[in-house]
Amino acid sequence: MGQSVGVTAARLKKPSWKDPRLLIGLLLVLGSVAGVIALVGSADRTTQVYAAREDIAVGQTVTEEDLAVVKVRLDDVEAEYVTVENGLAEGRVALQRVAKNQLIPRESMGAADALDRKPVAIAMEEELPPQAVPGARVDVWISMPGSSSAFEEPELLLPGAEISGMTAGSTALGSAKTTVVMVLVTDEQMPKLLGAQANKAKVSVVWNPSGVVR
């Protein structure tokens, strides 16, 4: 009987800090807490970046007034976007079109002399499909005036040109409605297009659904 009481008392004895089972249990608890803290911290790793308040056209000077601040999780691609921490350099212009609410890619902003395309207005009476919006691609064809009243065979001048903007207008006498399409033209393409317009060529804009620049 006395021996049984002694065994029971030994079992009820408070565990020692040197008890390996207690140390293992403590390490498991600490590891679990650390894992939860790391998971919560990782989920909250958001970055303040800039987004466009409205559509930003190529060549437009961009200031912070044109931008909104949003918090997003970018992880490994953070360096590709303009962050609030790094700021937007003064005098930056859009080298690429940025749609409303889109984050601002770093490569879309630059100095004015880095622009390799400039918008040129083309007035046309033909209607374009609704898919032909800023950012979409169009083919620009020209027909030079012939020796008589007829025009020469159409020639594809600008394949896959990007639409920069569109506005509704009218002819000088207001007798017909027109659409002014702003297309982005490279310096190499510019002389031929301006020459065609100056020589009263017929200029046609055709929506390019593939977006391919041939």
N, C-alpha and C. Protein backbone atom coordinates (compact mmCIF):
# COMPACT_ATOMS: atom_id res chain seq x y z
N MET A 1 0.83 -1.22 0.00
CA MET A 1 0.00 0.00 0.00
C MET A 1 0.86 1.26 0.00
N GLY A 2 1.87 1.28 0.88
CA GLY A 2 2.77 2.44 0.95
C GLY A 2 3.54 2.63 -0.31
N GLN A 3 3.89 1.51 -0.96
CA GLN A 3 4.64 1.62 -2.21
C GLN A 3 3.79 2.23 -3.30
N SER A 4 2.47 1.91 -3.34
CA SER A 4 1.54 2.46 -4.35
C SER A 4 1.38 3.96 -4.19
N VAL A 5 1.28 4.40 -2.93
CA VAL A 5 1.16 5.84 -2.67
C VAL A 5 2.40 6.57 -3.14
N GLY A 6 3.54 5.96 -2.95
CA GLY A 6 4.79 6.59 -3.37
C GLY A 6 4.88 6.74 -4.86
N VAL A 7 4.40 5.71 -5.59
CA VAL A 7 4.43 5.77 -7.05
C VAL A 7 3.50 6.86 -7.56
N THR A 8 2.30 6.97 -6.95
CA THR A 8 1.33 8.00 -7.37
C THR A 8 1.88 9.40 -7.12
N ALA A 9 2.53 9.60 -5.99
CA ALA A 9 3.10 10.90 -5.67
C ALA A 9 4.19 11.28 -6.66
N ALA A 10 4.93 10.27 -7.11
CA ALA A 10 5.99 10.55 -8.08
C ALA A 10 5.42 10.98 -9.40
N ARG A 11 4.28 10.36 -9.77
CA ARG A 11 3.65 10.72 -11.04
C ARG A 11 3.06 12.12 -11.02
N LEU A 12 2.58 12.58 -9.86
CA LEU A 12 1.95 13.89 -9.72
C LEU A 12 2.97 15.00 -9.49
N LYS A 13 4.19 14.67 -9.44
CA LYS A 13 5.23 15.67 -9.19
C LYS A 13 5.31 16.65 -10.35
N LYS A 14 5.43 17.96 -10.05
CA LYS A 14 5.52 18.99 -11.09
C LYS A 14 6.69 18.70 -12.02
N PRO A 15 6.46 18.88 -13.37
CA PRO A 15 7.56 18.63 -14.31
C PRO A 15 8.67 19.65 -14.16
N SER A 16 9.86 19.21 -14.37
CA SER A 16 11.02 20.09 -14.28
C SER A 16 11.24 20.79 -15.62
N TRP A 17 11.85 21.97 -15.57
CA TRP A 17 12.20 22.68 -16.80
C TRP A 17 13.18 21.87 -17.64
N LYS A 18 13.84 20.92 -16.99
CA LYS A 18 14.78 20.09 -17.71
C LYS A 18 14.11 18.90 -18.39
N ASP A 19 12.81 18.77 -18.15
CA ASP A 19 12.07 17.67 -18.77
C ASP A 19 12.04 17.88 -20.29
N PRO A 20 12.59 16.98 -21.09
CA PRO A 20 12.65 17.18 -22.55
C PRO A 20 11.28 17.29 -23.18
N ARG A 21 10.28 16.61 -22.60
CA ARG A 21 8.94 16.71 -23.17
C ARG A 21 8.38 18.11 -23.06
N LEU A 22 8.66 18.79 -21.97
CA LEU A 22 8.19 20.16 -21.78
C LEU A 22 8.90 21.11 -22.74
N LEU A 23 10.19 20.90 -22.93
CA LEU A 23 10.96 21.76 -23.84
C LEU A 23 10.48 21.60 -25.28
N ILE A 24 10.21 20.35 -25.68
CA ILE A 24 9.72 20.11 -27.05
C ILE A 24 8.36 20.76 -27.26
N GLY A 25 7.50 20.63 -26.24
CA GLY A 25 6.17 21.26 -26.35
C GLY A 25 6.27 22.76 -26.46
N LEU A 26 7.16 23.37 -25.67
CA LEU A 26 7.34 24.82 -25.71
C LEU A 26 7.86 25.27 -27.07
N LEU A 27 8.78 24.51 -27.65
CA LEU A 27 9.32 24.86 -28.97
C LEU A 27 8.25 24.76 -30.05
N LEU A 28 7.39 23.77 -29.93
CA LEU A 28 6.29 23.63 -30.90
C LEU A 28 5.33 24.80 -30.84
N VAL A 29 5.02 25.25 -29.61
CA VAL A 29 4.12 26.40 -29.45
C VAL A 29 4.76 27.66 -30.02
N LEU A 30 6.04 27.89 -29.70
CA LEU A 30 6.73 29.08 -30.21
C LEU A 30 6.83 29.05 -31.73
N GLY A 31 7.08 27.88 -32.31
CA GLY A 31 7.16 27.75 -33.76
C GLY A 31 5.83 28.04 -34.42
N SER A 32 4.75 27.58 -33.78
CA SER A 32 3.41 27.83 -34.33
C SER A 32 3.08 29.31 -34.31
N VAL A 33 3.39 29.99 -33.19
CA VAL A 33 3.13 31.43 -33.08
C VAL A 33 3.94 32.20 -34.12
N ALA A 34 5.22 31.83 -34.28
CA ALA A 34 6.07 32.51 -35.26
C ALA A 34 5.54 32.32 -36.67
N GLY A 35 5.03 31.12 -36.96
CA GLY A 35 4.47 30.86 -38.28
C GLY A 35 3.26 31.71 -38.57
N VAL A 36 2.39 31.86 -37.57
CA VAL A 36 1.19 32.70 -37.73
C VAL A 36 1.58 34.15 -37.95
N ILE A 37 2.55 34.65 -37.19
CA ILE A 37 2.99 36.04 -37.33
C ILE A 37 3.59 36.27 -38.71
N ALA A 38 4.39 35.32 -39.19
CA ALA A 38 5.00 35.45 -40.52
C ALA A 38 3.94 35.44 -41.61
N LEU A 39 2.91 34.59 -41.44
CA LEU A 39 1.85 34.50 -42.44
C LEU A 39 1.06 35.80 -42.50
N VAL A 40 0.72 36.36 -41.34
CA VAL A 40 -0.03 37.61 -41.30
C VAL A 40 0.81 38.74 -41.88
N GLY A 41 2.10 38.78 -41.53
CA GLY A 41 2.97 39.83 -42.06
C GLY A 41 3.12 39.75 -43.56
N SER A 42 3.20 38.52 -44.08
CA SER A 42 3.33 38.34 -45.52
C SER A 42 2.07 38.78 -46.25
N ALA A 43 0.90 38.49 -45.67
CA ALA A 43 -0.36 38.86 -46.31
C ALA A 43 -0.57 40.36 -46.34
N ASP A 44 0.13 41.09 -45.46
CA ASP A 44 -0.07 42.54 -45.37
C ASP A 44 1.05 43.32 -46.05
N ARG A 45 1.83 42.66 -46.90
CA ARG A 45 2.96 43.33 -47.57
C ARG A 45 2.46 44.06 -48.82
N THR A 46 1.70 45.09 -48.61
CA THR A 46 1.20 45.87 -49.74
C THR A 46 2.09 47.08 -49.98
N THR A 47 2.04 47.59 -51.20
CA THR A 47 2.86 48.74 -51.59
C THR A 47 1.96 49.83 -52.15
N GLN A 48 2.25 51.07 -51.82
CA GLN A 48 1.51 52.19 -52.39
C GLN A 48 2.09 52.53 -53.76
N VAL A 49 1.25 52.41 -54.78
CA VAL A 49 1.68 52.69 -56.14
C VAL A 49 0.69 53.65 -56.79
N TYR A 50 1.10 54.21 -57.92
CA TYR A 50 0.25 55.15 -58.64
C TYR A 50 -0.58 54.43 -59.70
N ALA A 51 -1.81 54.92 -59.88
CA ALA A 51 -2.70 54.44 -60.94
C ALA A 51 -3.28 55.66 -61.65
N ALA A 52 -3.69 55.49 -62.89
CA ALA A 52 -4.22 56.60 -63.69
C ALA A 52 -5.64 56.93 -63.27
N ARG A 53 -5.90 58.21 -62.97
CA ARG A 53 -7.27 58.64 -62.65
C ARG A 53 -8.15 58.56 -63.90
N GLU A 54 -7.59 58.97 -65.04
CA GLU A 54 -8.28 58.91 -66.33
C GLU A 54 -7.29 58.36 -67.36
N ASP A 55 -7.78 58.13 -68.57
CA ASP A 55 -6.88 57.65 -69.62
C ASP A 55 -5.73 58.64 -69.82
N ILE A 56 -4.53 58.12 -69.96
CA ILE A 56 -3.35 58.95 -70.21
C ILE A 56 -2.87 58.65 -71.63
N ALA A 57 -2.83 59.67 -72.47
CA ALA A 57 -2.46 59.49 -73.88
C ALA A 57 -0.95 59.61 -74.05
N VAL A 58 -0.46 59.00 -75.11
CA VAL A 58 0.97 59.08 -75.44
C VAL A 58 1.34 60.54 -75.69
N GLY A 59 2.44 60.99 -75.08
CA GLY A 59 2.89 62.36 -75.23
C GLY A 59 2.36 63.30 -74.17
N GLN A 60 1.39 62.85 -73.38
CA GLN A 60 0.80 63.70 -72.34
C GLN A 60 1.78 63.87 -71.18
N THR A 61 1.95 65.11 -70.73
CA THR A 61 2.76 65.36 -69.54
C THR A 61 1.98 64.90 -68.31
N VAL A 62 2.62 64.10 -67.49
CA VAL A 62 1.93 63.47 -66.35
C VAL A 62 2.46 64.06 -65.05
N THR A 63 1.53 64.47 -64.19
CA THR A 63 1.88 64.94 -62.85
C THR A 63 1.12 64.09 -61.84
N GLU A 64 1.43 64.30 -60.57
CA GLU A 64 0.75 63.52 -59.53
C GLU A 64 -0.74 63.83 -59.47
N GLU A 65 -1.16 64.97 -59.99
CA GLU A 65 -2.59 65.29 -60.03
C GLU A 65 -3.35 64.36 -60.98
N ASP A 66 -2.65 63.77 -61.93
CA ASP A 66 -3.28 62.84 -62.87
C ASP A 66 -3.36 61.43 -62.30
N LEU A 67 -2.81 61.23 -61.11
CA LEU A 67 -2.67 59.89 -60.57
C LEU A 67 -3.40 59.72 -59.25
N ALA A 68 -3.79 58.50 -58.98
CA ALA A 68 -4.38 58.12 -57.70
C ALA A 68 -3.43 57.15 -57.01
N VAL A 69 -3.52 57.09 -55.69
CA VAL A 69 -2.66 56.20 -54.91
C VAL A 69 -3.48 54.97 -54.50
N VAL A 70 -2.96 53.80 -54.80
CA VAL A 70 -3.63 52.56 -54.43
C VAL A 70 -2.64 51.65 -53.72
N LYS A 71 -3.17 50.77 -52.88
CA LYS A 71 -2.33 49.78 -52.18
C LYS A 71 -2.54 48.43 -52.84
N VAL A 72 -1.46 47.84 -53.31
CA VAL A 72 -1.53 46.53 -53.94
C VAL A 72 -0.34 45.69 -53.50
N ARG A 73 -0.47 44.39 -53.67
CA ARG A 73 0.63 43.48 -53.37
C ARG A 73 1.32 43.12 -54.67
N LEU A 74 2.57 43.54 -54.83
CA LEU A 74 3.28 43.35 -56.08
C LEU A 74 4.38 42.30 -56.00
N ASP A 75 4.90 42.06 -54.81
CA ASP A 75 5.96 41.06 -54.61
C ASP A 75 7.14 41.32 -55.56
N ASP A 76 7.44 40.33 -56.42
CA ASP A 76 8.65 40.40 -57.24
C ASP A 76 8.56 41.40 -58.39
N VAL A 77 7.36 41.88 -58.72
CA VAL A 77 7.23 42.81 -59.86
C VAL A 77 7.14 44.27 -59.40
N GLU A 78 7.40 44.53 -58.15
CA GLU A 78 7.28 45.90 -57.63
C GLU A 78 8.15 46.88 -58.39
N ALA A 79 9.34 46.45 -58.79
CA ALA A 79 10.28 47.34 -59.47
C ALA A 79 9.78 47.78 -60.84
N GLU A 80 8.75 47.14 -61.36
CA GLU A 80 8.25 47.46 -62.70
C GLU A 80 7.22 48.59 -62.69
N TYR A 81 6.82 49.06 -61.51
CA TYR A 81 5.77 50.08 -61.41
C TYR A 81 6.25 51.30 -60.64
N VAL A 82 5.59 52.42 -60.86
CA VAL A 82 5.94 53.68 -60.18
C VAL A 82 5.31 53.66 -58.79
N THR A 83 6.14 53.63 -57.76
CA THR A 83 5.65 53.60 -56.39
C THR A 83 5.62 55.01 -55.80
N VAL A 84 4.80 55.17 -54.78
CA VAL A 84 4.72 56.46 -54.09
C VAL A 84 6.04 56.75 -53.39
N GLU A 85 6.69 55.72 -52.88
CA GLU A 85 7.95 55.90 -52.16
C GLU A 85 9.02 56.50 -53.08
N ASN A 86 9.11 56.01 -54.29
CA ASN A 86 10.11 56.53 -55.23
C ASN A 86 9.66 57.81 -55.91
N GLY A 87 8.35 58.01 -56.01
CA GLY A 87 7.82 59.24 -56.58
C GLY A 87 7.89 59.26 -58.10
N LEU A 88 7.27 60.29 -58.68
CA LEU A 88 7.25 60.50 -60.12
C LEU A 88 8.11 61.70 -60.45
N ALA A 89 9.11 61.49 -61.27
CA ALA A 89 10.02 62.58 -61.62
C ALA A 89 9.28 63.69 -62.36
N GLU A 90 9.71 64.92 -62.17
CA GLU A 90 9.06 66.08 -62.80
C GLU A 90 9.32 66.08 -64.31
N GLY A 91 8.32 66.48 -65.06
CA GLY A 91 8.47 66.59 -66.50
C GLY A 91 8.33 65.28 -67.25
N ARG A 92 7.80 64.24 -66.61
CA ARG A 92 7.63 62.96 -67.29
C ARG A 92 6.45 63.02 -68.26
N VAL A 93 6.60 62.38 -69.40
CA VAL A 93 5.50 62.26 -70.36
C VAL A 93 5.22 60.78 -70.57
N ALA A 94 4.02 60.49 -71.06
CA ALA A 94 3.64 59.10 -71.30
C ALA A 94 4.24 58.61 -72.61
N LEU A 95 5.03 57.57 -72.54
CA LEU A 95 5.61 56.96 -73.74
C LEU A 95 4.68 55.87 -74.27
N GLN A 96 3.77 55.42 -73.41
CA GLN A 96 2.77 54.44 -73.78
C GLN A 96 1.42 54.89 -73.23
N ARG A 97 0.36 54.45 -73.85
CA ARG A 97 -0.98 54.78 -73.35
C ARG A 97 -1.22 54.00 -72.07
N VAL A 98 -1.82 54.68 -71.08
CA VAL A 98 -2.19 54.04 -69.82
C VAL A 98 -3.69 54.25 -69.62
N ALA A 99 -4.43 53.17 -69.50
CA ALA A 99 -5.88 53.25 -69.36
C ALA A 99 -6.28 53.67 -67.95
N LYS A 100 -7.48 54.20 -67.82
CA LYS A 100 -8.01 54.62 -66.52
C LYS A 100 -7.95 53.46 -65.52
N ASN A 101 -7.50 53.77 -64.30
CA ASN A 101 -7.39 52.83 -63.18
C ASN A 101 -6.25 51.83 -63.34
N GLN A 102 -5.49 51.91 -64.41
CA GLN A 102 -4.36 51.00 -64.59
C GLN A 102 -3.16 51.49 -63.80
N LEU A 103 -2.39 50.55 -63.23
CA LEU A 103 -1.15 50.92 -62.55
C LEU A 103 -0.17 51.49 -63.56
N ILE A 104 0.73 52.36 -63.08
CA ILE A 104 1.66 53.06 -63.97
C ILE A 104 2.95 52.26 -64.10
N PRO A 105 3.19 51.61 -65.24
CA PRO A 105 4.47 50.93 -65.44
C PRO A 105 5.60 51.94 -65.57
N ARG A 106 6.76 51.62 -65.04
CA ARG A 106 7.89 52.53 -65.13
C ARG A 106 8.26 52.81 -66.59
N GLU A 107 8.18 51.79 -67.43
CA GLU A 107 8.58 51.96 -68.82
C GLU A 107 7.61 52.84 -69.61
N SER A 108 6.44 53.12 -69.03
CA SER A 108 5.47 53.97 -69.74
C SER A 108 5.74 55.45 -69.53
N MET A 109 6.64 55.80 -68.61
CA MET A 109 6.97 57.19 -68.34
C MET A 109 8.40 57.48 -68.78
N GLY A 110 8.63 58.69 -69.30
CA GLY A 110 9.98 59.05 -69.71
C GLY A 110 10.08 60.50 -70.10
N ALA A 111 11.23 60.88 -70.62
CA ALA A 111 11.44 62.25 -71.07
C ALA A 111 10.81 62.44 -72.44
N ALA A 112 10.47 63.69 -72.76
CA ALA A 112 9.78 63.97 -74.02
C ALA A 112 10.62 63.56 -75.23
N ASP A 113 11.94 63.70 -75.13
CA ASP A 113 12.78 63.34 -76.28
C ASP A 113 12.89 61.84 -76.49
N ALA A 114 12.29 61.04 -75.59
CA ALA A 114 12.29 59.59 -75.75
C ALA A 114 11.08 59.10 -76.55
N LEU A 115 10.18 60.02 -76.88
CA LEU A 115 9.01 59.65 -77.66
C LEU A 115 9.42 59.21 -79.06
N ASP A 116 9.00 58.01 -79.44
CA ASP A 116 9.32 57.53 -80.79
C ASP A 116 8.09 57.54 -81.70
N ARG A 117 6.94 57.97 -81.16
CA ARG A 117 5.71 58.07 -81.95
C ARG A 117 5.00 59.37 -81.58
N LYS A 118 4.40 60.00 -82.57
CA LYS A 118 3.69 61.26 -82.32
C LYS A 118 2.29 61.17 -82.93
N PRO A 119 1.29 61.78 -82.28
CA PRO A 119 -0.08 61.70 -82.80
C PRO A 119 -0.30 62.62 -84.00
N VAL A 120 -0.95 62.07 -85.02
CA VAL A 120 -1.31 62.84 -86.21
C VAL A 120 -2.82 62.69 -86.42
N ALA A 121 -3.48 63.81 -86.72
CA ALA A 121 -4.93 63.79 -86.90
C ALA A 121 -5.29 63.38 -88.33
N ILE A 122 -6.23 62.46 -88.43
CA ILE A 122 -6.77 62.04 -89.73
C ILE A 122 -8.28 62.20 -89.68
N ALA A 123 -8.82 63.10 -90.51
CA ALA A 123 -10.26 63.32 -90.56
C ALA A 123 -10.87 62.35 -91.56
N MET A 124 -11.97 61.72 -91.18
CA MET A 124 -12.60 60.74 -92.06
C MET A 124 -14.12 60.79 -91.88
N GLU A 125 -14.82 60.55 -92.98
CA GLU A 125 -16.27 60.53 -92.94
C GLU A 125 -16.81 59.12 -92.71
N GLU A 126 -16.01 58.10 -93.01
CA GLU A 126 -16.44 56.73 -92.79
C GLU A 126 -16.50 56.42 -91.30
N GLU A 127 -17.43 55.57 -90.93
CA GLU A 127 -17.55 55.17 -89.53
C GLU A 127 -16.65 53.98 -89.24
N LEU A 128 -16.05 54.01 -88.07
CA LEU A 128 -15.24 52.89 -87.61
C LEU A 128 -16.09 52.02 -86.69
N PRO A 129 -15.77 50.73 -86.58
CA PRO A 129 -16.52 49.87 -85.66
C PRO A 129 -16.30 50.30 -84.22
N PRO A 130 -17.22 49.94 -83.33
CA PRO A 130 -17.09 50.37 -81.92
C PRO A 130 -15.83 49.86 -81.25
N GLN A 131 -15.23 48.81 -81.80
CA GLN A 131 -13.99 48.29 -81.19
C GLN A 131 -12.80 49.20 -81.44
N ALA A 132 -12.93 50.11 -82.39
CA ALA A 132 -11.82 51.03 -82.70
C ALA A 132 -11.83 52.17 -81.69
N VAL A 133 -11.17 51.97 -80.58
CA VAL A 133 -11.11 52.94 -79.48
C VAL A 133 -9.64 53.24 -79.20
N PRO A 134 -9.36 54.28 -78.42
CA PRO A 134 -7.96 54.54 -78.06
C PRO A 134 -7.28 53.31 -77.51
N GLY A 135 -6.11 53.03 -78.05
CA GLY A 135 -5.38 51.83 -77.67
C GLY A 135 -5.50 50.71 -78.69
N ALA A 136 -6.56 50.76 -79.51
CA ALA A 136 -6.75 49.74 -80.55
C ALA A 136 -5.84 50.04 -81.74
N ARG A 137 -5.71 49.08 -82.63
CA ARG A 137 -4.84 49.22 -83.80
C ARG A 137 -5.65 49.38 -85.07
N VAL A 138 -5.14 50.19 -85.98
CA VAL A 138 -5.78 50.40 -87.27
C VAL A 138 -4.73 50.39 -88.37
N ASP A 139 -5.18 50.08 -89.59
CA ASP A 139 -4.33 50.22 -90.77
C ASP A 139 -4.72 51.51 -91.49
N VAL A 140 -3.73 52.27 -91.89
CA VAL A 140 -3.99 53.53 -92.61
C VAL A 140 -3.58 53.34 -94.07
N TRP A 141 -4.55 53.54 -94.98
CA TRP A 141 -4.33 53.41 -96.42
C TRP A 141 -4.41 54.79 -97.07
N ILE A 142 -3.63 54.98 -98.13
CA ILE A 142 -3.70 56.24 -98.87
C ILE A 142 -3.90 55.95 -100.36
N SER A 143 -4.66 56.82 -101.00
CA SER A 143 -4.83 56.78 -102.46
C SER A 143 -4.46 58.15 -102.99
N MET A 144 -3.37 58.22 -103.73
CA MET A 144 -2.91 59.50 -104.26
C MET A 144 -3.78 59.92 -105.45
N PRO A 145 -3.98 61.24 -105.64
CA PRO A 145 -4.76 61.72 -106.79
C PRO A 145 -4.10 61.30 -108.10
N GLY A 146 -4.93 60.83 -109.06
CA GLY A 146 -4.40 60.44 -110.35
C GLY A 146 -4.37 61.62 -111.31
N SER A 147 -4.04 61.35 -112.56
CA SER A 147 -3.98 62.41 -113.58
C SER A 147 -5.36 62.94 -113.91
N SER A 148 -6.39 62.11 -113.71
CA SER A 148 -7.77 62.55 -113.92
C SER A 148 -8.43 62.72 -112.56
N SER A 149 -9.72 62.66 -112.52
CA SER A 149 -10.42 62.82 -111.25
C SER A 149 -10.34 61.57 -110.39
N ALA A 150 -9.90 60.46 -110.96
CA ALA A 150 -9.80 59.21 -110.21
C ALA A 150 -8.56 59.21 -109.32
N PHE A 151 -8.58 58.31 -108.34
CA PHE A 151 -7.44 58.15 -107.44
C PHE A 151 -6.67 56.90 -107.83
N GLU A 152 -5.41 56.88 -107.47
CA GLU A 152 -4.58 55.73 -107.76
C GLU A 152 -4.94 54.57 -106.83
N GLU A 153 -4.33 53.42 -107.12
CA GLU A 153 -4.57 52.22 -106.31
C GLU A 153 -4.19 52.50 -104.85
N PRO A 154 -5.06 52.09 -103.89
CA PRO A 154 -4.74 52.32 -102.48
C PRO A 154 -3.44 51.62 -102.07
N GLU A 155 -2.72 52.25 -101.19
CA GLU A 155 -1.45 51.72 -100.69
C GLU A 155 -1.49 51.71 -99.17
N LEU A 156 -1.08 50.58 -98.58
CA LEU A 156 -1.03 50.48 -97.12
C LEU A 156 0.17 51.26 -96.62
N LEU A 157 -0.10 52.34 -95.90
CA LEU A 157 0.97 53.21 -95.43
C LEU A 157 1.37 52.90 -93.99
N LEU A 158 0.38 52.78 -93.12
CA LEU A 158 0.66 52.54 -91.70
C LEU A 158 -0.04 51.26 -91.24
N PRO A 159 0.64 50.14 -91.22
CA PRO A 159 0.03 48.90 -90.73
C PRO A 159 0.06 48.84 -89.21
N GLY A 160 -1.09 48.56 -88.59
CA GLY A 160 -1.13 48.38 -87.15
C GLY A 160 -0.79 49.60 -86.34
N ALA A 161 -1.20 50.79 -86.82
CA ALA A 161 -0.95 52.02 -86.05
C ALA A 161 -1.89 52.08 -84.85
N GLU A 162 -1.39 52.61 -83.75
CA GLU A 162 -2.21 52.69 -82.53
C GLU A 162 -3.04 53.97 -82.51
N ILE A 163 -4.30 53.83 -82.12
CA ILE A 163 -5.17 55.01 -81.96
C ILE A 163 -4.83 55.70 -80.65
N SER A 164 -4.55 56.98 -80.74
CA SER A 164 -4.24 57.77 -79.55
C SER A 164 -5.49 58.42 -78.97
N GLY A 165 -6.40 58.84 -79.85
CA GLY A 165 -7.63 59.49 -79.40
C GLY A 165 -8.58 59.66 -80.57
N MET A 166 -9.83 59.98 -80.26
CA MET A 166 -10.84 60.19 -81.29
C MET A 166 -11.78 61.29 -80.85
N THR A 167 -12.16 62.16 -81.81
CA THR A 167 -13.13 63.22 -81.52
C THR A 167 -14.08 63.34 -82.70
N ALA A 168 -15.31 63.73 -82.42
CA ALA A 168 -16.31 63.95 -83.47
C ALA A 168 -16.19 65.38 -83.96
N GLY A 169 -16.42 65.57 -85.26
CA GLY A 169 -16.35 66.91 -85.83
C GLY A 169 -17.29 67.02 -87.01
N SER A 170 -17.04 68.01 -87.87
CA SER A 170 -17.85 68.21 -89.06
C SER A 170 -16.98 68.88 -90.11
N THR A 171 -17.46 68.87 -91.34
CA THR A 171 -16.73 69.54 -92.41
C THR A 171 -16.77 71.05 -92.21
N ALA A 172 -16.01 71.75 -93.03
CA ALA A 172 -15.92 73.21 -92.90
C ALA A 172 -17.29 73.87 -93.01
N LEU A 173 -18.14 73.33 -93.88
CA LEU A 173 -19.48 73.92 -94.06
C LEU A 173 -20.52 73.27 -93.16
N GLY A 174 -20.08 72.28 -92.37
CA GLY A 174 -21.01 71.63 -91.46
C GLY A 174 -22.01 70.74 -92.15
N SER A 175 -21.73 70.36 -93.42
CA SER A 175 -22.69 69.56 -94.17
C SER A 175 -22.55 68.07 -93.90
N ALA A 176 -21.42 67.64 -93.38
CA ALA A 176 -21.20 66.22 -93.13
C ALA A 176 -20.46 66.02 -91.82
N LYS A 177 -20.81 64.96 -91.16
CA LYS A 177 -20.14 64.64 -89.91
C LYS A 177 -18.82 63.92 -90.21
N THR A 178 -17.84 64.22 -89.42
CA THR A 178 -16.54 63.57 -89.57
C THR A 178 -16.06 63.06 -88.21
N THR A 179 -15.12 62.18 -88.27
CA THR A 179 -14.44 61.70 -87.07
C THR A 179 -12.96 61.97 -87.24
N VAL A 180 -12.38 62.62 -86.25
CA VAL A 180 -10.94 62.87 -86.28
C VAL A 180 -10.27 61.79 -85.44
N VAL A 181 -9.47 60.99 -86.12
CA VAL A 181 -8.76 59.89 -85.46
C VAL A 181 -7.30 60.30 -85.29
N MET A 182 -6.82 60.26 -84.08
CA MET A 182 -5.41 60.55 -83.80
C MET A 182 -4.67 59.22 -83.80
N VAL A 183 -3.74 59.06 -84.75
CA VAL A 183 -2.94 57.84 -84.81
C VAL A 183 -1.50 58.17 -84.49
N LEU A 184 -0.82 57.22 -83.87
CA LEU A 184 0.58 57.42 -83.49
C LEU A 184 1.48 57.02 -84.64
N VAL A 185 2.35 57.95 -85.04
CA VAL A 185 3.18 57.77 -86.23
C VAL A 185 4.65 57.95 -85.85
N THR A 186 5.51 57.07 -86.37
CA THR A 186 6.94 57.19 -86.10
C THR A 186 7.54 58.30 -86.97
N ASP A 187 8.72 58.75 -86.60
CA ASP A 187 9.39 59.79 -87.38
C ASP A 187 9.69 59.32 -88.80
N GLU A 188 9.96 58.03 -88.96
CA GLU A 188 10.24 57.50 -90.29
C GLU A 188 8.99 57.51 -91.18
N GLN A 189 7.82 57.28 -90.58
CA GLN A 189 6.57 57.23 -91.34
C GLN A 189 5.97 58.61 -91.58
N MET A 190 6.38 59.57 -90.77
CA MET A 190 5.75 60.89 -90.77
C MET A 190 5.79 61.60 -92.13
N PRO A 191 6.93 61.70 -92.82
CA PRO A 191 6.96 62.48 -94.07
C PRO A 191 5.97 61.99 -95.12
N LYS A 192 5.83 60.68 -95.26
CA LYS A 192 4.94 60.16 -96.30
C LYS A 192 3.48 60.44 -95.97
N LEU A 193 3.10 60.32 -94.70
CA LEU A 193 1.71 60.60 -94.33
C LEU A 193 1.40 62.08 -94.50
N LEU A 194 2.29 62.95 -94.01
CA LEU A 194 2.04 64.39 -94.14
C LEU A 194 2.07 64.81 -95.61
N GLY A 195 2.93 64.17 -96.40
CA GLY A 195 2.96 64.48 -97.82
C GLY A 195 1.68 64.07 -98.52
N ALA A 196 1.14 62.91 -98.14
CA ALA A 196 -0.12 62.45 -98.72
C ALA A 196 -1.26 63.41 -98.36
N GLN A 197 -1.30 63.86 -97.11
CA GLN A 197 -2.34 64.80 -96.71
C GLN A 197 -2.19 66.14 -97.43
N ALA A 198 -0.96 66.60 -97.58
CA ALA A 198 -0.73 67.88 -98.24
C ALA A 198 -1.11 67.83 -99.72
N ASN A 199 -1.01 66.64 -100.34
CA ASN A 199 -1.34 66.48 -101.75
C ASN A 199 -2.77 65.99 -101.95
N LYS A 200 -3.58 66.16 -100.91
CA LYS A 200 -5.01 65.85 -100.97
C LYS A 200 -5.29 64.40 -101.36
N ALA A 201 -4.48 63.51 -100.82
CA ALA A 201 -4.73 62.08 -101.03
C ALA A 201 -5.94 61.66 -100.21
N LYS A 202 -6.57 60.59 -100.66
CA LYS A 202 -7.67 60.03 -99.88
C LYS A 202 -7.06 59.11 -98.83
N VAL A 203 -7.30 59.42 -97.57
CA VAL A 203 -6.74 58.65 -96.46
C VAL A 203 -7.86 57.86 -95.79
N SER A 204 -7.69 56.56 -95.70
CA SER A 204 -8.70 55.70 -95.08
C SER A 204 -8.11 54.98 -93.88
N VAL A 205 -8.91 54.87 -92.86
CA VAL A 205 -8.50 54.18 -91.63
C VAL A 205 -9.36 52.93 -91.48
N VAL A 206 -8.71 51.79 -91.33
CA VAL A 206 -9.41 50.51 -91.24
C VAL A 206 -9.01 49.82 -89.94
N TRP A 207 -10.00 49.40 -89.18
CA TRP A 207 -9.72 48.72 -87.91
C TRP A 207 -8.95 47.43 -88.17
N ASN A 208 -7.90 47.22 -87.38
CA ASN A 208 -7.07 46.04 -87.49
C ASN A 208 -7.34 45.15 -86.27
N PRO A 209 -8.27 44.19 -86.38
CA PRO A 209 -8.65 43.41 -85.19
C PRO A 209 -7.54 42.56 -84.62
N SER A 210 -6.57 42.17 -85.44
CA SER A 210 -5.47 41.33 -84.94
C SER A 210 -4.46 42.13 -84.14
N GLY A 211 -4.42 43.46 -84.40
CA GLY A 211 -3.44 44.30 -83.70
C GLY A 211 -2.02 44.07 -84.16
N VAL A 212 -1.86 43.30 -85.24
CA VAL A 212 -0.51 42.96 -85.71
C VAL A 212 0.06 44.09 -86.55
N VAL A 213 1.31 44.45 -86.24
CA VAL A 213 2.03 45.44 -87.04
C VAL A 213 2.82 44.67 -88.09
N ARG A 214 2.36 44.67 -89.32
CA ARG A 214 2.99 43.86 -90.35
C ARG A 214 4.21 44.58 -90.95
